[in-house]
Protein backbone atom coordinates (compact mmCIF):
# COMPACT_ATOMS: atom_id res chain seq x y z
CA UNK A 1 99.01 116.11 90.83
CA UNK A 2 99.93 112.49 91.41
CA UNK A 3 99.12 112.55 95.14
CA UNK A 4 95.67 114.01 94.40
CA UNK A 5 94.96 111.38 91.74
CA UNK A 6 96.51 108.69 93.91
CA UNK A 7 94.11 109.45 96.76
CA UNK A 8 91.16 109.42 94.32
CA UNK A 9 92.38 106.12 92.85
CA UNK A 10 92.64 104.56 96.28
CA UNK A 11 89.15 105.74 97.21
CA UNK A 12 87.88 104.01 94.06
CA UNK A 13 89.81 100.88 94.94
CA UNK A 14 88.48 100.99 98.50
CA UNK A 15 84.90 101.11 97.24
CA UNK A 16 85.44 98.38 94.62
CA UNK A 17 84.64 94.84 95.68
CA UNK A 18 86.38 92.21 93.53
CA UNK A 19 84.64 88.94 92.76
CA UNK A 20 84.88 86.99 96.00
CA UNK A 21 85.62 83.66 94.32
CA UNK A 22 88.61 85.05 92.39
CA UNK A 23 89.93 87.11 95.32
CA UNK A 24 89.70 84.13 97.70
CA UNK A 25 91.24 81.70 95.19
CA UNK A 26 94.27 83.98 94.81
CA UNK A 27 94.56 84.53 98.57
CA UNK A 28 94.30 80.81 99.35
CA UNK A 29 96.85 79.96 96.65
CA UNK A 30 99.31 82.03 98.71
CA UNK A 31 98.23 80.82 102.16
CA UNK A 32 95.62 78.06 102.57
CA UNK A 33 95.32 78.64 106.33
CA UNK A 34 93.76 82.13 106.06
CA UNK A 35 90.21 82.38 107.33
CA UNK A 36 87.27 84.33 105.89
CA UNK A 37 85.96 87.62 107.33
CA UNK A 38 82.29 88.57 107.86
CA UNK A 39 81.99 89.75 104.22
CA UNK A 40 83.17 86.41 102.87
CA UNK A 41 86.62 87.58 101.79
CA UNK A 42 89.84 85.99 103.00
CA UNK A 43 91.29 88.03 105.88
CA UNK A 44 94.32 90.06 104.79
CA UNK A 45 96.27 93.13 105.86
CA UNK A 46 95.61 96.38 103.97
CA UNK A 47 98.72 95.91 101.82
CA UNK A 48 97.89 92.26 101.08
CA UNK A 49 94.27 93.16 100.30
CA UNK A 50 95.34 95.88 97.83
CA UNK A 51 97.66 93.46 96.02
CA UNK A 52 95.04 90.69 95.98
CA UNK A 53 92.43 93.14 94.71
CA UNK A 54 94.72 94.32 91.91
CA UNK A 55 95.40 90.77 90.76
CA UNK A 56 91.76 89.73 91.05
CA UNK A 57 90.69 92.78 89.01
CA UNK A 58 93.04 91.68 86.22
CA UNK A 59 91.49 88.21 86.28
CA UNK A 60 87.99 89.67 86.42
CA UNK A 61 88.67 91.89 83.39
CA UNK A 62 89.89 88.85 81.48
CA UNK A 63 86.67 87.00 82.34
CA UNK A 64 84.07 89.77 82.02
CA UNK A 65 85.79 92.21 79.64
CA UNK A 66 84.63 95.12 81.83
CA UNK A 67 86.82 98.11 82.62
CA UNK A 68 87.71 98.06 86.30
CA UNK A 69 89.10 100.81 88.57
CA UNK A 70 92.72 99.66 88.64
CA UNK A 71 92.98 99.29 84.86
CA UNK A 72 91.49 102.74 84.38
CA UNK A 73 93.83 104.25 86.99
CA UNK A 74 96.89 102.54 85.48
CA UNK A 75 96.05 103.70 81.95
CA UNK A 76 95.41 107.29 83.01
CA UNK A 77 98.58 107.41 85.10
CA UNK A 78 100.72 105.85 82.38
CA UNK A 79 99.36 108.27 79.79
CA UNK A 80 100.02 111.20 82.13
CA UNK A 81 103.61 110.07 82.68
CA UNK A 82 104.48 109.19 79.08
CA UNK A 83 102.04 111.36 77.13
CA UNK A 84 102.15 108.72 74.43
CA UNK A 85 99.66 106.48 72.74
CA UNK A 86 102.00 103.49 72.47
CA UNK A 87 102.41 102.71 76.18
CA UNK A 88 98.69 103.12 76.89
CA UNK A 89 97.80 100.89 73.94
CA UNK A 90 100.32 98.27 75.06
CA UNK A 91 98.78 98.17 78.54
CA UNK A 92 95.34 97.70 76.98
CA UNK A 93 96.62 94.95 74.66
CA UNK A 94 97.97 93.13 77.72
CA UNK A 95 94.41 93.07 79.04
CA UNK A 96 95.08 95.38 81.97
CA UNK A 97 94.19 98.93 80.97
CA UNK A 98 91.56 100.81 79.02
CA UNK A 99 91.90 101.86 75.38
CA UNK A 100 93.75 104.99 74.32
CA UNK A 101 90.48 106.42 72.99
CA UNK A 102 88.87 105.88 76.42
CA UNK A 103 91.79 107.71 78.06
CA UNK A 104 91.32 110.64 75.69
CA UNK A 105 87.54 110.63 76.28
CA UNK A 106 88.01 110.72 80.06
CA UNK A 107 90.56 113.53 79.84
CA UNK A 108 88.35 115.53 77.47
CA UNK A 109 85.27 115.02 79.65
CA UNK A 110 87.20 116.22 82.71
CA UNK A 111 88.34 119.31 80.81
CA UNK A 112 84.75 119.97 79.67
CA UNK A 113 83.39 119.61 83.19
CA UNK A 114 86.03 122.05 84.46
CA UNK A 115 84.95 124.46 81.73
CA UNK A 116 81.28 124.04 82.70
CA UNK A 117 82.14 124.78 86.34
CA UNK A 118 84.09 127.91 85.39
CA UNK A 119 81.86 130.18 87.48
CA UNK A 120 83.19 128.55 90.63
CA UNK A 121 86.79 128.72 89.45
CA UNK A 122 87.27 132.16 87.92
CA UNK A 123 88.74 134.87 90.13
CA UNK A 124 86.59 137.91 90.94
CA UNK A 125 86.64 140.61 88.31
CA UNK A 126 85.62 138.49 85.35
CA UNK A 127 82.44 139.80 83.75
CA UNK A 128 79.72 137.59 82.25
CA UNK A 129 79.38 138.03 78.51
CA UNK A 130 82.98 139.17 77.97
CA UNK A 131 85.40 136.91 76.16
CA UNK A 132 87.95 135.00 78.15
CA UNK A 133 90.60 132.54 76.98
CA UNK A 134 91.18 129.39 79.03
CA UNK A 135 94.08 127.10 78.16
CA UNK A 136 94.66 123.51 79.27
CA UNK A 137 98.14 122.15 78.80
CA UNK A 138 98.42 118.46 79.68
CA UNK A 139 95.64 119.01 82.18
CA UNK A 140 96.87 117.66 85.49
CA UNK A 141 94.25 119.12 87.78
CA UNK A 142 96.36 122.12 88.84
CA UNK A 143 95.10 124.55 86.20
């Protein structure tokens, strides 16, 4: 489960472009000699860029109040690990993650979309119009 979500999280992070001014300010506070690439971001290795992006997203959330990919991913992962409201709420109160209600909404919407796509998921032999019982237990994408 985690490796599947992790790869999806990283694809979201790869497509996300942090605010250039914040990203560059953080990068230059670490090393003033770094130059800028063709996109206007300070040149960094993949690992450095991921760390800089994570920090800049936290700053950007504090400025704009918008939910960003890393905060969403952290909240969903923390809720999956702990299963509790308290840890997810604490992360949100620290200004990093999304609200507990947003986590529940995302999880419920995923479960609903899986239910709506049931025709593609049910094994052969199921007959339209006949009752079937589907159970989700801490839906982790493996059901």
